[in-house]
PDB file of N, CA and C in Angstrom:
ATOM      1  N   MET A   1     -38.662  52.332 202.421  1.00  0.00           N
ATOM      2  CA  MET A   1     -37.494  52.343 203.257  1.00  0.00           C
ATOM      3  C   MET A   1     -36.661  53.639 202.797  1.00  0.00           C
ATOM      4  N   ALA A   2     -36.031  54.505 203.577  1.00  0.00           N
ATOM      5  CA  ALA A   2     -35.440  55.677 203.255  1.00  0.00           C
ATOM      6  C   ALA A   2     -33.746  55.445 203.550  1.00  0.00           C
ATOM      7  N   LEU A   3     -33.144  56.053 202.449  1.00  0.00           N
ATOM      8  CA  LEU A   3     -31.920  56.199 202.444  1.00  0.00           C
ATOM      9  C   LEU A   3     -31.178  57.604 202.679  1.00  0.00           C
ATOM     10  N   GLN A   4     -30.232  57.728 203.361  1.00  0.00           N
ATOM     11  CA  GLN A   4     -29.540  58.725 203.706  1.00  0.00           C
ATOM     12  C   GLN A   4     -28.502  59.087 202.906  1.00  0.00           C
ATOM     13  N   THR A   5     -28.325  60.045 202.213  1.00  0.00           N
ATOM     14  CA  THR A   5     -27.127  60.109 201.075  1.00  0.00           C
ATOM     15  C   THR A   5     -25.968  60.946 202.075  1.00  0.00           C
ATOM     16  N   ALA A   6     -24.921  60.751 201.863  1.00  0.00           N
ATOM     17  CA  ALA A   6     -23.959  61.565 202.523  1.00  0.00           C
ATOM     18  C   ALA A   6     -24.095  63.248 202.324  1.00  0.00           C
ATOM     19  N   GLY A   7     -24.331  63.795 203.436  1.00  0.00           N
ATOM     20  CA  GLY A   7     -24.789  65.214 203.239  1.00  0.00           C
ATOM     21  C   GLY A   7     -25.610  65.631 202.539  1.00  0.00           C
ATOM     22  N   GLY A   8     -26.453  64.993 201.995  1.00  0.00           N
ATOM     23  CA  GLY A   8     -27.706  65.069 201.215  1.00  0.00           C
ATOM     24  C   GLY A   8     -29.108  64.674 201.895  1.00  0.00           C
ATOM     25  N   PRO A   9     -30.175  64.920 200.909  1.00  0.00           N
ATOM     26  CA  PRO A   9     -31.486  64.527 201.650  1.00  0.00           C
ATOM     27  C   PRO A   9     -31.517  63.050 201.562  1.00  0.00           C
ATOM     28  N   THR A  10     -32.838  62.628 202.542  1.00  0.00           N
ATOM     29  CA  THR A  10     -33.112  61.376 202.516  1.00  0.00           C
ATOM     30  C   THR A  10     -33.954  60.896 201.214  1.00  0.00           C
ATOM     31  N   ARG A  11     -33.258  59.894 200.611  1.00  0.00           N
ATOM     32  CA  ARG A  11     -34.071  59.361 199.334  1.00  0.00           C
ATOM     33  C   ARG A  11     -34.954  57.936 199.978  1.00  0.00           C
ATOM     34  N   HIS A  12     -35.885  57.793 199.174  1.00  0.00           N
ATOM     35  CA  HIS A  12     -36.827  56.586 199.513  1.00  0.00           C
ATOM     36  C   HIS A  12     -36.251  55.542 198.402  1.00  0.00           C
ATOM     37  N   HIS A  13     -36.099  54.374 198.876  1.00  0.00           N
ATOM     38  CA  HIS A  13     -35.598  53.053 198.392  1.00  0.00           C
ATOM     39  C   HIS A  13     -36.872  53.054 197.032  1.00  0.00           C
ATOM     40  N   PRO A  14     -36.312  52.594 195.767  1.00  0.00           N
ATOM     41  CA  PRO A  14     -37.440  52.704 194.595  1.00  0.00           C
ATOM     42  C   PRO A  14     -38.400  51.511 194.942  1.00  0.00           C
ATOM     43  N   LEU A  15     -38.328  50.623 195.790  1.00  0.00           N
ATOM     44  CA  LEU A  15     -39.252  49.543 195.793  1.00  0.00           C
ATOM     45  C   LEU A  15     -40.142  49.696 196.973  1.00  0.00           C
ATOM     46  N   SER A  16     -40.202  51.125 197.523  1.00  0.00           N
ATOM     47  CA  SER A  16     -40.944  51.472 198.511  1.00  0.00           C
ATOM     48  C   SER A  16     -42.416  51.537 198.061  1.00  0.00           C
ATOM     49  N   GLY A  17     -42.710  51.420 197.080  1.00  0.00           N
ATOM     50  CA  GLY A  17     -44.185  51.600 196.642  1.00  0.00           C
ATOM     51  C   GLY A  17     -44.488  52.976 196.126  1.00  0.00           C
ATOM     52  N   ARG A  18     -43.596  53.855 195.770  1.00  0.00           N
ATOM     53  CA  ARG A  18     -43.857  55.057 195.224  1.00  0.00           C
ATOM     54  C   ARG A  18     -44.103  55.194 193.884  1.00  0.00           C
ATOM     55  N   GLY A  19     -44.319  54.189 193.356  1.00  0.00           N
ATOM     56  CA  GLY A  19     -44.727  54.013 191.622  1.00  0.00           C
ATOM     57  C   GLY A  19     -43.621  54.508 190.784  1.00  0.00           C
ATOM     58  N   GLY A  20     -42.395  54.260 190.928  1.00  0.00           N
ATOM     59  CA  GLY A  20     -41.167  54.543 189.976  1.00  0.00           C
ATOM     60  C   GLY A  20     -41.047  53.051 189.056  1.00  0.00           C
ATOM     61  N   GLY A  21     -41.861  51.991 189.377  1.00  0.00           N
ATOM     62  CA  GLY A  21     -41.508  51.012 188.960  1.00  0.00           C
ATOM     63  C   GLY A  21     -40.486  49.989 189.548  1.00  0.00           C
ATOM     64  N   SER A  22     -39.828  49.011 189.087  1.00  0.00           N
ATOM     65  CA  SER A  22     -38.909  47.979 189.887  1.00  0.00           C
ATOM     66  C   SER A  22     -37.681  48.366 189.194  1.00  0.00           C
ATOM     67  N   VAL A  23     -36.688  47.996 190.163  1.00  0.00           N
ATOM     68  CA  VAL A  23     -35.174  47.701 189.697  1.00  0.00           C
ATOM     69  C   VAL A  23     -35.092  46.356 188.581  1.00  0.00           C
ATOM     70  N   SER A  24     -36.202  45.465 188.544  1.00  0.00           N
ATOM     71  CA  SER A  24     -36.035  44.364 187.901  1.00  0.00           C
ATOM     72  C   SER A  24     -36.520  44.891 186.406  1.00  0.00           C
ATOM     73  N   GLN A  25     -37.117  46.074 186.141  1.00  0.00           N
ATOM     74  CA  GLN A  25     -37.511  46.293 184.552  1.00  0.00           C
ATOM     75  C   GLN A  25     -36.349  47.013 183.927  1.00  0.00           C
ATOM     76  N   SER A  26     -36.547  46.600 182.610  1.00  0.00           N
ATOM     77  CA  SER A  26     -35.598  47.241 181.805  1.00  0.00           C
ATOM     78  C   SER A  26     -35.586  48.459 181.748  1.00  0.00           C
ATOM     79  N   MET A  27     -34.436  49.188 181.386  1.00  0.00           N
ATOM     80  CA  MET A  27     -34.257  50.553 181.317  1.00  0.00           C
ATOM     81  C   MET A  27     -34.450  51.207 179.890  1.00  0.00           C
ATOM     82  N   ASP A  28     -35.247  52.366 180.017  1.00  0.00           N
ATOM     83  CA  ASP A  28     -35.571  53.081 178.793  1.00  0.00           C
ATOM     84  C   ASP A  28     -34.634  54.083 178.493  1.00  0.00           C
ATOM     85  N   PRO A  29     -33.579  53.801 177.609  1.00  0.00           N
ATOM     86  CA  PRO A  29     -32.436  54.602 177.220  1.00  0.00           C
ATOM     87  C   PRO A  29     -33.089  56.233 177.150  1.00  0.00           C
ATOM     88  N   ALA A  30     -34.032  56.224 176.668  1.00  0.00           N
ATOM     89  CA  ALA A  30     -34.802  58.027 176.379  1.00  0.00           C
ATOM     90  C   ALA A  30     -34.590  58.673 177.745  1.00  0.00           C
ATOM     91  N   LYS A  31     -35.132  57.799 178.973  1.00  0.00           N
ATOM     92  CA  LYS A  31     -35.300  58.375 180.143  1.00  0.00           C
ATOM     93  C   LYS A  31     -33.785  58.856 180.995  1.00  0.00           C
ATOM     94  N   LEU A  32     -32.526  58.132 180.184  1.00  0.00           N
ATOM     95  CA  LEU A  32     -31.201  58.533 180.579  1.00  0.00           C
ATOM     96  C   LEU A  32     -30.854  59.823 180.189  1.00  0.00           C
ATOM     97  N   PRO A  33     -29.923  60.746 180.808  1.00  0.00           N
ATOM     98  CA  PRO A  33     -29.190  61.588 180.376  1.00  0.00           C
ATOM     99  C   PRO A  33     -28.444  61.274 179.152  1.00  0.00           C
ATOM    100  N   GLU A  34     -28.276  62.089 177.980  1.00  0.00           N
ATOM    101  CA  GLU A  34     -27.514  61.342 176.887  1.00  0.00           C
ATOM    102  C   GLU A  34     -26.137  60.799 177.229  1.00  0.00           C
ATOM    103  N   SER A  35     -25.575  61.727 178.127  1.00  0.00           N
ATOM    104  CA  SER A  35     -24.312  61.377 178.335  1.00  0.00           C
ATOM    105  C   SER A  35     -23.965  59.941 179.278  1.00  0.00           C
ATOM    106  N   LEU A  36     -25.107  59.436 179.798  1.00  0.00           N
ATOM    107  CA  LEU A  36     -25.031  58.200 180.427  1.00  0.00           C
ATOM    108  C   LEU A  36     -25.548  56.920 179.724  1.00  0.00           C
ATOM    109  N   ARG A  37     -26.114  57.080 178.553  1.00  0.00           N
ATOM    110  CA  ARG A  37     -26.521  56.208 177.327  1.00  0.00           C
ATOM    111  C   ARG A  37     -25.638  55.112 177.136  1.00  0.00           C
ATOM    112  N   PRO A  38     -24.329  55.608 176.932  1.00  0.00           N
ATOM    113  CA  PRO A  38     -23.223  54.478 176.773  1.00  0.00           C
ATOM    114  C   PRO A  38     -23.098  53.396 177.535  1.00  0.00           C
ATOM    115  N   PHE A  39     -23.368  53.763 178.881  1.00  0.00           N
ATOM    116  CA  PHE A  39     -23.392  52.692 180.097  1.00  0.00           C
ATOM    117  C   PHE A  39     -24.570  52.033 180.256  1.00  0.00           C
ATOM    118  N   LEU A  40     -25.582  52.161 179.518  1.00  0.00           N
ATOM    119  CA  LEU A  40     -26.716  51.341 179.950  1.00  0.00           C
ATOM    120  C   LEU A  40     -26.666  50.034 180.230  1.00  0.00           C
ATOM    121  N   ALA A  41     -25.816  49.189 179.416  1.00  0.00           N
ATOM    122  CA  ALA A  41     -25.851  47.665 179.776  1.00  0.00           C
ATOM    123  C   ALA A  41     -25.417  47.624 181.204  1.00  0.00           C
ATOM    124  N   LEU A  42     -24.199  48.314 181.450  1.00  0.00           N
ATOM    125  CA  LEU A  42     -23.708  48.197 182.737  1.00  0.00           C
ATOM    126  C   LEU A  42     -24.573  48.553 184.123  1.00  0.00           C
ATOM    127  N   TYR A  43     -25.264  49.569 183.749  1.00  0.00           N
ATOM    128  CA  TYR A  43     -26.407  49.746 184.625  1.00  0.00           C
ATOM    129  C   TYR A  43     -27.453  48.710 185.020  1.00  0.00           C
ATOM    130  N   GLU A  44     -27.898  48.342 183.910  1.00  0.00           N
ATOM    131  CA  GLU A  44     -28.643  47.269 183.895  1.00  0.00           C
ATOM    132  C   GLU A  44     -28.266  46.099 184.666  1.00  0.00           C
ATOM    133  N   LYS A  45     -27.047  45.691 184.478  1.00  0.00           N
ATOM    134  CA  LYS A  45     -26.331  44.576 185.170  1.00  0.00           C
ATOM    135  C   LYS A  45     -25.913  44.567 186.654  1.00  0.00           C
ATOM    136  N   TRP A  46     -25.522  45.914 186.884  1.00  0.00           N
ATOM    137  CA  TRP A  46     -24.805  46.381 188.180  1.00  0.00           C
ATOM    138  C   TRP A  46     -25.768  47.106 189.115  1.00  0.00           C
ATOM    139  N   GLY A  47     -27.150  47.739 188.489  1.00  0.00           N
ATOM    140  CA  GLY A  47     -27.899  48.726 189.265  1.00  0.00           C
ATOM    141  C   GLY A  47     -29.138  47.967 189.700  1.00  0.00           C
ATOM    142  N   ALA A  48     -29.376  46.519 189.375  1.00  0.00           N
ATOM    143  CA  ALA A  48     -30.663  45.904 189.748  1.00  0.00           C
ATOM    144  C   ALA A  48     -30.763  45.353 191.186  1.00  0.00           C
ATOM    145  N   VAL A  49     -30.692  46.566 192.145  1.00  0.00           N
ATOM    146  CA  VAL A  49     -30.645  45.917 193.546  1.00  0.00           C
ATOM    147  C   VAL A  49     -31.811  46.433 194.217  1.00  0.00           C
ATOM    148  N   GLY A  50     -32.226  45.534 194.841  1.00  0.00           N
ATOM    149  CA  GLY A  50     -33.720  45.371 195.618  1.00  0.00           C
ATOM    150  C   GLY A  50     -33.885  45.730 197.163  1.00  0.00           C
ATOM    151  N   SER A  51     -32.423  45.317 197.414  1.00  0.00           N
ATOM    152  CA  SER A  51     -32.208  45.268 199.048  1.00  0.00           C
ATOM    153  C   SER A  51     -30.670  45.423 199.107  1.00  0.00           C
ATOM    154  N   ASP A  52     -30.173  45.685 200.625  1.00  0.00           N
ATOM    155  CA  ASP A  52     -28.996  45.905 200.748  1.00  0.00           C
ATOM    156  C   ASP A  52     -28.261  44.518 200.558  1.00  0.00           C
ATOM    157  N   THR A  53     -28.876  43.326 200.670  1.00  0.00           N
ATOM    158  CA  THR A  53     -28.440  41.962 200.564  1.00  0.00           C
ATOM    159  C   THR A  53     -27.964  42.051 199.121  1.00  0.00           C
ATOM    160  N   ALA A  54     -28.691  42.367 198.398  1.00  0.00           N
ATOM    161  CA  ALA A  54     -28.682  42.146 196.673  1.00  0.00           C
ATOM    162  C   ALA A  54     -27.295  42.853 196.495  1.00  0.00           C
ATOM    163  N   ARG A  55     -27.026  44.004 197.215  1.00  0.00           N
ATOM    164  CA  ARG A  55     -25.651  45.164 196.704  1.00  0.00           C
ATOM    165  C   ARG A  55     -24.769  44.394 197.225  1.00  0.00           C
ATOM    166  N   TYR A  56     -24.665  43.603 198.687  1.00  0.00           N
ATOM    167  CA  TYR A  56     -23.536  42.989 198.918  1.00  0.00           C
ATOM    168  C   TYR A  56     -23.283  41.879 198.204  1.00  0.00           C
ATOM    169  N   ASP A  57     -24.042  41.248 197.866  1.00  0.00           N
ATOM    170  CA  ASP A  57     -23.805  40.156 196.846  1.00  0.00           C
ATOM    171  C   ASP A  57     -22.936  40.596 195.359  1.00  0.00           C
ATOM    172  N   LEU A  58     -23.600  41.554 195.081  1.00  0.00           N
ATOM    173  CA  LEU A  58     -22.885  42.201 193.709  1.00  0.00           C
ATOM    174  C   LEU A  58     -21.281  42.645 193.976  1.00  0.00           C
ATOM    175  N   PHE A  59     -21.201  43.235 195.251  1.00  0.00           N
ATOM    176  CA  PHE A  59     -19.911  43.582 195.836  1.00  0.00           C
ATOM    177  C   PHE A  59     -19.073  42.222 195.758  1.00  0.00           C
ATOM    178  N   ASP A  60     -19.491  41.306 196.655  1.00  0.00           N
ATOM    179  CA  ASP A  60     -18.884  40.005 196.717  1.00  0.00           C
ATOM    180  C   ASP A  60     -18.553  39.402 195.379  1.00  0.00           C
ATOM    181  N   ARG A  61     -19.387  39.339 194.313  1.00  0.00           N
ATOM    182  CA  ARG A  61     -19.065  38.856 193.049  1.00  0.00           C
ATOM    183  C   ARG A  61     -18.183  39.500 192.495  1.00  0.00           C
ATOM    184  N   ALA A  62     -18.065  40.782 192.447  1.00  0.00           N
ATOM    185  CA  ALA A  62     -17.018  41.835 191.727  1.00  0.00           C
ATOM    186  C   ALA A  62     -15.824  41.423 192.286  1.00  0.00           C
ATOM    187  N   LEU A  63     -15.472  41.338 193.756  1.00  0.00           N
ATOM    188  CA  LEU A  63     -14.310  40.846 194.394  1.00  0.00           C
ATOM    189  C   LEU A  63     -13.974  39.617 194.282  1.00  0.00           C
ATOM    190  N   ALA A  64     -14.546  38.677 193.779  1.00  0.00           N
ATOM    191  CA  ALA A  64     -14.410  37.187 193.630  1.00  0.00           C
ATOM    192  C   ALA A  64     -14.093  36.928 192.134  1.00  0.00           C
ATOM    193  N   ASP A  65     -14.522  37.752 191.287  1.00  0.00           N
ATOM    194  CA  ASP A  65     -14.220  37.349 189.648  1.00  0.00           C
ATOM    195  C   ASP A  65     -13.152  38.467 189.204  1.00  0.00           C
ATOM    196  N   PRO A  66     -12.029  38.245 188.742  1.00  0.00           N
ATOM    197  CA  PRO A  66     -11.346  39.333 188.118  1.00  0.00           C
ATOM    198  C   PRO A  66     -11.690  40.280 187.036  1.00  0.00           C
ATOM    199  N   ALA A  67     -12.628  39.135 186.249  1.00  0.00           N
ATOM    200  CA  ALA A  67     -13.220  39.577 185.020  1.00  0.00           C
ATOM    201  C   ALA A  67     -14.171  40.860 185.279  1.00  0.00           C
ATOM    202  N   GLU A  68     -14.774  40.331 186.293  1.00  0.00           N
ATOM    203  CA  GLU A  68     -16.111  41.455 186.640  1.00  0.00           C
ATOM    204  C   GLU A  68     -15.265  42.821 187.068  1.00  0.00           C
ATOM    205  N   LEU A  69     -14.528  42.624 187.970  1.00  0.00           N
ATOM    206  CA  LEU A  69     -13.693  43.796 188.484  1.00  0.00           C
ATOM    207  C   LEU A  69     -12.973  44.530 187.228  1.00  0.00           C
ATOM    208  N   ALA A  70     -12.274  43.835 186.299  1.00  0.00           N
ATOM    209  CA  ALA A  70     -11.728  44.462 185.406  1.00  0.00           C
ATOM    210  C   ALA A  70     -12.791  45.065 184.667  1.00  0.00           C
ATOM    211  N   GLU A  71     -14.183  44.686 184.300  1.00  0.00           N
ATOM    212  CA  GLU A  71     -15.204  45.111 183.712  1.00  0.00           C
ATOM    213  C   GLU A  71     -15.537  46.594 184.537  1.00  0.00           C
ATOM    214  N   LEU A  72     -15.565  46.346 185.596  1.00  0.00           N
ATOM    215  CA  LEU A  72     -15.857  47.509 186.448  1.00  0.00           C
ATOM    216  C   LEU A  72     -14.742  49.032 186.600  1.00  0.00           C
ATOM    217  N   LYS A  73     -13.813  48.617 186.562  1.00  0.00           N
ATOM    218  CA  LYS A  73     -12.718  49.506 186.469  1.00  0.00           C
ATOM    219  C   LYS A  73     -12.692  50.062 184.961  1.00  0.00           C
ATOM    220  N   ALA A  74     -13.022  49.276 183.932  1.00  0.00           N
ATOM    221  CA  ALA A  74     -12.972  50.055 182.597  1.00  0.00           C
ATOM    222  C   ALA A  74     -14.147  50.813 182.524  1.00  0.00           C
ATOM    223  N   TRP A  75     -15.625  50.622 183.093  1.00  0.00           N
ATOM    224  CA  TRP A  75     -16.447  51.343 183.159  1.00  0.00           C
ATOM    225  C   TRP A  75     -16.087  52.730 183.948  1.00  0.00           C
ATOM    226  N   HIS A  76     -15.337  52.598 185.144  1.00  0.00           N
ATOM    227  CA  HIS A  76     -15.248  53.792 185.811  1.00  0.00           C
ATOM    228  C   HIS A  76     -13.946  54.559 184.903  1.00  0.00           C
ATOM    229  N   ALA A  77     -13.149  54.161 184.134  1.00  0.00           N
ATOM    230  CA  ALA A  77     -12.244  54.700 183.578  1.00  0.00           C
ATOM    231  C   ALA A  77     -13.181  55.529 182.327  1.00  0.00           C
ATOM    232  N   ARG A  78     -14.278  55.087 181.840  1.00  0.00           N
ATOM    233  CA  ARG A  78     -14.794  55.780 180.683  1.00  0.00           C
ATOM    234  C   ARG A  78     -15.693  56.624 181.459  1.00  0.00           C
ATOM    235  N   LEU A  79     -16.190  56.734 182.341  1.00  0.00           N
ATOM    236  CA  LEU A  79     -17.399  57.504 183.273  1.00  0.00           C
ATOM    237  C   LEU A  79     -16.459  58.621 183.449  1.00  0.00           C
ATOM    238  N   SER A  80     -15.075  58.269 184.109  1.00  0.00           N
ATOM    239  CA  SER A  80     -14.416  59.625 184.559  1.00  0.00           C
ATOM    240  C   SER A  80     -14.167  60.783 183.311  1.00  0.00           C
ATOM    241  N   LYS A  81     -14.649  60.466 182.133  1.00  0.00           N
ATOM    242  CA  LYS A  81     -14.267  61.170 181.104  1.00  0.00           C
ATOM    243  C   LYS A  81     -15.681  62.069 180.614  1.00  0.00           C
ATOM    244  N   VAL A  82     -16.702  61.497 181.359  1.00  0.00           N
ATOM    245  CA  VAL A  82     -17.876  62.150 181.426  1.00  0.00           C
ATOM    246  C   VAL A  82     -18.030  63.464 182.231  1.00  0.00           C
ATOM    247  N   ASP A  83     -18.552  64.480 181.826  1.00  0.00           N
ATOM    248  CA  ASP A  83     -18.700  65.708 182.524  1.00  0.00           C
ATOM    249  C   ASP A  83     -19.834  65.458 183.388  1.00  0.00           C
ATOM    250  N   PRO A  84     -19.678  65.468 184.948  1.00  0.00           N
ATOM    251  CA  PRO A  84     -20.950  65.174 185.803  1.00  0.00           C
ATOM    252  C   PRO A  84     -22.133  66.164 185.750  1.00  0.00           C
ATOM    253  N   ALA A  85     -21.618  67.225 185.125  1.00  0.00           N
ATOM    254  CA  ALA A  85     -22.637  68.486 185.196  1.00  0.00           C
ATOM    255  C   ALA A  85     -23.700  67.834 184.144  1.00  0.00           C
ATOM    256  N   THR A  86     -23.473  67.012 183.228  1.00  0.00           N
ATOM    257  CA  THR A  86     -24.485  66.475 182.162  1.00  0.00           C
ATOM    258  C   THR A  86     -25.591  65.712 182.942  1.00  0.00           C
ATOM    259  N   TYR A  87     -25.209  65.228 184.063  1.00  0.00           N
ATOM    260  CA  TYR A  87     -26.451  64.181 184.618  1.00  0.00           C
ATOM    261  C   TYR A  87     -26.606  64.427 186.127  1.00  0.00           C
ATOM    262  N   GLU A  88     -25.773  65.162 186.823  1.00  0.00           N
ATOM    263  CA  GLU A  88     -25.936  65.365 188.218  1.00  0.00           C
ATOM    264  C   GLU A  88     -27.283  65.836 188.742  1.00  0.00           C
ATOM    265  N   GLU A  89     -28.149  66.728 187.913  1.00  0.00           N
ATOM    266  CA  GLU A  89     -29.173  67.355 188.158  1.00  0.00           C
ATOM    267  C   GLU A  89     -30.444  66.319 188.081  1.00  0.00           C
ATOM    268  N   TRP A  90     -30.341  65.642 187.072  1.00  0.00           N
ATOM    269  CA  TRP A  90     -31.101  64.303 187.072  1.00  0.00           C
ATOM    270  C   TRP A  90     -30.952  63.076 187.937  1.00  0.00           C
ATOM    271  N   LEU A  91     -29.647  62.688 188.311  1.00  0.00           N
ATOM    272  CA  LEU A  91     -29.542  61.934 189.207  1.00  0.00           C
ATOM    273  C   LEU A  91     -30.004  62.169 190.773  1.00  0.00           C
ATOM    274  N   GLY A  92     -30.034  63.629 191.142  1.00  0.00           N
ATOM    275  CA  GLY A  92     -30.500  64.340 192.344  1.00  0.00           C
ATOM    276  C   GLY A  92     -32.034  64.080 192.293  1.00  0.00           C
ATOM    277  N   GLY A  93     -32.689  64.007 191.353  1.00  0.00           N
ATOM    278  CA  GLY A  93     -34.121  63.810 191.551  1.00  0.00           C
ATOM    279  C   GLY A  93     -34.659  62.253 192.415  1.00  0.00           C
ATOM    280  N   PRO A  94     -35.961  62.532 192.664  1.00  0.00           N
ATOM    281  CA  PRO A  94     -36.438  61.216 193.461  1.00  0.00           C
ATOM    282  C   PRO A  94     -36.143  60.111 192.983  1.00  0.00           C
ATOM    283  N   LEU A  95     -35.638  58.797 193.650  1.00  0.00           N
ATOM    284  CA  LEU A  95     -35.256  57.687 193.119  1.00  0.00           C
ATOM    285  C   LEU A  95     -36.649  56.939 193.003  1.00  0.00           C
ATOM    286  N   GLY A  96     -37.583  56.874 193.911  1.00  0.00           N
ATOM    287  CA  GLY A  96     -38.613  56.011 193.506  1.00  0.00           C
ATOM    288  C   GLY A  96     -39.805  56.613 192.222  1.00  0.00           C
ATOM    289  N   GLU A  97     -39.272  57.631 191.710  1.00  0.00           N
ATOM    290  CA  GLU A  97     -39.927  57.823 190.517  1.00  0.00           C
ATOM    291  C   GLU A  97     -39.517  57.576 189.156  1.00  0.00           C
ATOM    292  N   SER A  98     -38.272  56.737 189.311  1.00  0.00           N
ATOM    293  CA  SER A  98     -37.688  56.420 188.199  1.00  0.00           C
ATOM    294  C   SER A  98     -36.858  55.164 188.090  1.00  0.00           C
ATOM    295  N   HIS A  99     -37.130  54.276 187.865  1.00  0.00           N
ATOM    296  CA  HIS A  99     -36.529  52.863 188.210  1.00  0.00           C
ATOM    297  C   HIS A  99     -34.991  52.780 187.087  1.00  0.00           C
ATOM    298  N   GLU A 100     -34.896  53.776 186.058  1.00  0.00           N
ATOM    299  CA  GLU A 100     -33.441  54.183 185.609  1.00  0.00           C
ATOM    300  C   GLU A 100     -32.505  55.256 186.495  1.00  0.00           C
ATOM    301  N   ARG A 101     -33.225  55.856 187.214  1.00  0.00           N
ATOM    302  CA  ARG A 101     -32.417  56.739 187.956  1.00  0.00           C
ATOM    303  C   ARG A 101     -32.167  55.824 189.392  1.00  0.00           C
ATOM    304  N   ALA A 102     -32.984  54.845 189.823  1.00  0.00           N
ATOM    305  CA  ALA A 102     -32.458  54.206 190.946  1.00  0.00           C
ATOM    306  C   ALA A 102     -31.369  53.261 190.481  1.00  0.00           C
ATOM    307  N   LYS A 103     -31.256  52.712 189.127  1.00  0.00           N
ATOM    308  CA  LYS A 103     -30.139  51.470 188.824  1.00  0.00           C
ATOM    309  C   LYS A 103     -29.001  52.332 188.580  1.00  0.00           C
ATOM    310  N   VAL A 104     -28.774  53.641 188.159  1.00  0.00           N
ATOM    311  CA  VAL A 104     -27.705  54.278 188.094  1.00  0.00           C
ATOM    312  C   VAL A 104     -27.192  54.478 189.379  1.00  0.00           C
ATOM    313  N   TYR A 105     -28.048  55.110 190.410  1.00  0.00           N
ATOM    314  CA  TYR A 105     -27.528  55.548 191.791  1.00  0.00           C
ATOM    315  C   TYR A 105     -27.070  54.528 192.420  1.00  0.00           C
ATOM    316  N   PHE A 106     -28.141  53.140 192.337  1.00  0.00           N
ATOM    317  CA  PHE A 106     -27.370  51.850 193.015  1.00  0.00           C
ATOM    318  C   PHE A 106     -25.993  51.426 192.537  1.00  0.00           C
ATOM    319  N   THR A 107     -25.846  51.448 191.338  1.00  0.00           N
ATOM    320  CA  THR A 107     -24.491  51.125 190.628  1.00  0.00           C
ATOM    321  C   THR A 107     -23.508  52.170 191.250  1.00  0.00           C
ATOM    322  N   ASP A 108     -23.755  53.165 190.934  1.00  0.00           N
ATOM    323  CA  ASP A 108     -22.850  54.372 191.589  1.00  0.00           C
ATOM    324  C   ASP A 108     -22.354  53.954 193.313  1.00  0.00           C
ATOM    325  N   MET A 109     -23.355  53.742 193.975  1.00  0.00           N
ATOM    326  CA  MET A 109     -23.290  53.451 195.207  1.00  0.00           C
ATOM    327  C   MET A 109     -22.361  52.261 195.283  1.00  0.00           C
ATOM    328  N   LEU A 110     -22.675  51.263 194.663  1.00  0.00           N
ATOM    329  CA  LEU A 110     -21.787  50.065 194.500  1.00  0.00           C
ATOM    330  C   LEU A 110     -20.304  50.545 194.266  1.00  0.00           C
ATOM    331  N   MET A 111     -20.071  51.113 193.122  1.00  0.00           N
ATOM    332  CA  MET A 111     -18.798  51.466 192.655  1.00  0.00           C
ATOM    333  C   MET A 111     -17.920  52.440 193.604  1.00  0.00           C
ATOM    334  N   TYR A 112     -18.623  53.280 194.053  1.00  0.00           N
ATOM    335  CA  TYR A 112     -17.722  54.325 194.711  1.00  0.00           C
ATOM    336  C   TYR A 112     -17.700  54.158 196.017  1.00  0.00           C
ATOM    337  N   PHE A 113     -18.732  53.699 196.580  1.00  0.00           N
ATOM    338  CA  PHE A 113     -18.900  53.647 198.347  1.00  0.00           C
ATOM    339  C   PHE A 113     -18.590  52.236 198.819  1.00  0.00           C
ATOM    340  N   GLU A 114     -18.991  51.220 198.270  1.00  0.00           N
ATOM    341  CA  GLU A 114     -18.492  49.808 198.754  1.00  0.00           C
ATOM    342  C   GLU A 114     -17.180  49.375 197.995  1.00  0.00           C
ATOM    343  N   LEU A 115     -16.983  49.331 196.661  1.00  0.00           N
ATOM    344  CA  LEU A 115     -15.793  49.090 195.952  1.00  0.00           C
ATOM    345  C   LEU A 115     -14.858  49.860 195.926  1.00  0.00           C
ATOM    346  N   GLU A 116     -15.203  51.248 196.348  1.00  0.00           N
ATOM    347  CA  GLU A 116     -13.974  52.299 195.830  1.00  0.00           C
ATOM    348  C   GLU A 116     -13.279  51.995 194.792  1.00  0.00           C
ATOM    349  N   ILE A 117     -14.147  51.980 193.662  1.00  0.00           N
ATOM    350  CA  ILE A 117     -13.158  51.536 192.494  1.00  0.00           C
ATOM    351  C   ILE A 117     -12.337  52.455 191.940  1.00  0.00           C
ATOM    352  N   HIS A 118     -12.513  53.799 192.297  1.00  0.00           N
ATOM    353  CA  HIS A 118     -11.438  54.831 191.873  1.00  0.00           C
ATOM    354  C   HIS A 118     -10.162  54.521 192.807  1.00  0.00           C
ATOM    355  N   LYS A 119     -10.223  53.815 193.459  1.00  0.00           N
ATOM    356  CA  LYS A 119      -9.020  53.457 194.424  1.00  0.00           C
ATOM    357  C   LYS A 119      -8.188  52.249 194.001  1.00  0.00           C
ATOM    358  N   ARG A 120      -8.842  51.451 193.080  1.00  0.00           N
ATOM    359  CA  ARG A 120      -8.248  49.900 192.549  1.00  0.00           C
ATOM    360  C   ARG A 120      -7.324  50.071 191.392  1.00  0.00           C
TER     361      ARG A 120
END
């Protein structure tokens, strides 16, 4: 399945059989940019998205539970202090080649496009 990013290239879903592993796999911290390693637990929790339905379920869960939403707001506040230049090139690579990259991508998609956490 292909995903179209805003203004960017089409990306392939990590479960499309392109060899990057599964989003249910644990992340290897060594495969993340150093600047994103402090957020590993959140990417594991919020980035294991194998379908749009799963992402929408996470969205509903975050909105229904004030503690979950507070966790995401705190994550956003911490991530906002990280220089995007330290991870943007890595994140722009093929999603299907890295379940770590897929989890970061889908967490960011949930936070910024669905929840619009930066506006809450």
